[in-house]
Amino acid sequence: MIAKRLDEALAARNKFYEASQQHHLVVCDMKRQIKNLEEERSKLQEENSRLQKQLQTAQACKHLIFCPDFALSYQFLRYLPIRFSGRPYSTNSSSSSSCGCG
């Protein structure tokens, strides 16, 4: 009778140990997945930032092509992803843009 109860207790302990091990493996796998997702999110944020700058430059170039007067103005230089020191080129303030975007 005591031996039977001892065997049952050992079997229950072993079952609990196996479940605990399985749980540990699942938790480790989830942590690995979280780390991979965080790395992917970081890469996507960097790519998004790069694409935003590329879009900004493309929009500025669009204005350059369709509005030469705007290309020489300070407003155009604001769209560029680079910074200029000093005062940028500007058109004569008394003349207005022929295409209406200046």
Protein backbone atom coordinates (compact mmCIF):
# COMPACT_ATOMS: atom_id res chain seq x y z
CA MET A 1 0.00 0.00 0.00
CA ILE A 2 2.77 2.45 0.90
CA ALA A 3 4.77 1.38 -2.14
CA LYS A 4 1.74 2.00 -4.37
CA ARG A 5 1.24 5.51 -2.97
CA LEU A 6 4.94 6.21 -3.33
CA ASP A 7 4.83 5.12 -6.98
CA GLU A 8 1.78 7.35 -7.59
CA ALA A 9 3.52 10.32 -5.96
CA LEU A 10 6.66 9.78 -8.06
CA ALA A 11 4.57 9.45 -11.23
CA ALA A 12 2.72 12.69 -10.40
CA ARG A 13 6.03 14.44 -9.68
CA ASN A 14 7.48 13.24 -13.00
CA LYS A 15 4.36 14.38 -14.85
CA PHE A 16 4.60 17.79 -13.19
CA TYR A 17 8.31 17.98 -14.05
CA GLU A 18 7.59 17.20 -17.72
CA ALA A 19 4.84 19.83 -17.84
CA SER A 20 7.18 22.35 -16.24
CA GLN A 21 9.88 21.59 -18.82
CA GLN A 22 7.36 21.95 -21.67
CA HIS A 23 6.17 25.26 -20.24
CA HIS A 24 9.76 26.48 -20.01
CA LEU A 25 10.38 25.58 -23.68
CA VAL A 26 7.22 27.43 -24.74
CA VAL A 27 8.24 30.52 -22.75
CA CYS A 28 11.74 30.46 -24.27
CA ASP A 29 10.25 30.17 -27.76
CA MET A 30 7.92 33.11 -27.09
CA LYS A 31 10.83 35.23 -25.85
CA ARG A 32 12.76 34.36 -29.01
CA GLN A 33 9.78 35.35 -31.16
CA ILE A 34 9.40 38.64 -29.29
CA LYS A 35 13.07 39.45 -29.80
CA ASN A 36 12.80 38.68 -33.53
CA LEU A 37 9.68 40.84 -33.84
CA GLU A 38 11.36 43.74 -32.04
CA GLU A 39 14.36 43.51 -34.39
CA GLU A 40 12.04 43.41 -37.41
CA ARG A 41 10.09 46.41 -36.07
CA SER A 42 13.34 48.34 -35.64
CA LYS A 43 14.40 47.55 -39.21
CA LEU A 44 10.98 48.56 -40.53
CA GLN A 45 11.12 51.85 -38.61
CA GLU A 46 14.52 52.59 -40.12
CA GLU A 47 13.24 51.73 -43.60
CA ASN A 48 10.15 53.89 -43.02
CA SER A 49 12.34 56.82 -42.02
CA ARG A 50 14.50 56.35 -45.11
CA LEU A 51 11.44 56.13 -47.36
CA GLN A 52 9.91 59.25 -45.76
CA LYS A 53 13.08 61.19 -46.60
CA GLN A 54 13.06 59.75 -50.12
CA LEU A 55 9.42 60.81 -50.55
CA GLN A 56 10.20 64.28 -49.26
CA THR A 57 13.04 64.60 -51.76
CA ALA A 58 10.86 63.29 -54.60
CA GLN A 59 8.17 65.83 -53.76
CA ALA A 60 10.76 68.60 -53.72
CA CYS A 61 12.08 67.45 -57.10
CA LYS A 62 8.53 67.45 -58.47
CA HIS A 63 8.28 71.11 -57.53
CA LEU A 64 11.68 71.73 -59.09
CA ILE A 65 10.59 70.24 -62.41
CA PHE A 66 7.18 71.89 -62.62
CA CYS A 67 8.00 75.25 -61.07
CA PRO A 68 11.50 76.62 -61.77
CA ASP A 69 10.79 79.82 -59.80
CA PHE A 70 9.92 77.70 -56.76
CA ALA A 71 13.18 75.77 -57.16
CA LEU A 72 15.17 78.90 -56.35
CA SER A 73 13.08 79.86 -53.37
CA TYR A 74 13.60 79.15 -49.70
CA GLN A 75 10.39 77.08 -49.59
CA PHE A 76 11.93 74.51 -51.94
CA LEU A 77 15.06 74.19 -49.85
CA ARG A 78 12.91 73.35 -46.81
CA TYR A 79 11.84 70.13 -48.55
CA LEU A 80 15.38 68.91 -49.03
CA PRO A 81 16.66 66.42 -46.44
CA ILE A 82 19.98 68.27 -46.15
CA ARG A 83 20.54 71.47 -44.25
CA PHE A 84 22.19 74.55 -45.68
CA SER A 85 24.31 77.00 -43.74
CA GLY A 86 23.64 80.64 -44.35
CA ARG A 87 20.83 82.04 -46.45
CA PRO A 88 19.79 79.90 -49.43
CA TYR A 89 19.28 81.24 -52.91
CA SER A 90 16.14 83.30 -53.32
CA THR A 91 14.27 84.86 -56.20
CA ASN A 92 13.58 88.55 -56.44
CA SER A 93 10.88 89.23 -53.86
CA SER A 94 9.06 91.69 -56.13
CA SER A 95 8.46 89.11 -58.87
CA SER A 96 5.80 86.48 -58.44
CA SER A 97 5.96 82.92 -59.68
CA SER A 98 4.51 82.36 -63.13
CA CYS A 99 3.04 79.00 -62.15
CA GLY A 100 1.39 80.21 -58.94
CA CYS A 101 3.10 77.89 -56.43
CA GLY A 102 5.58 80.42 -55.11
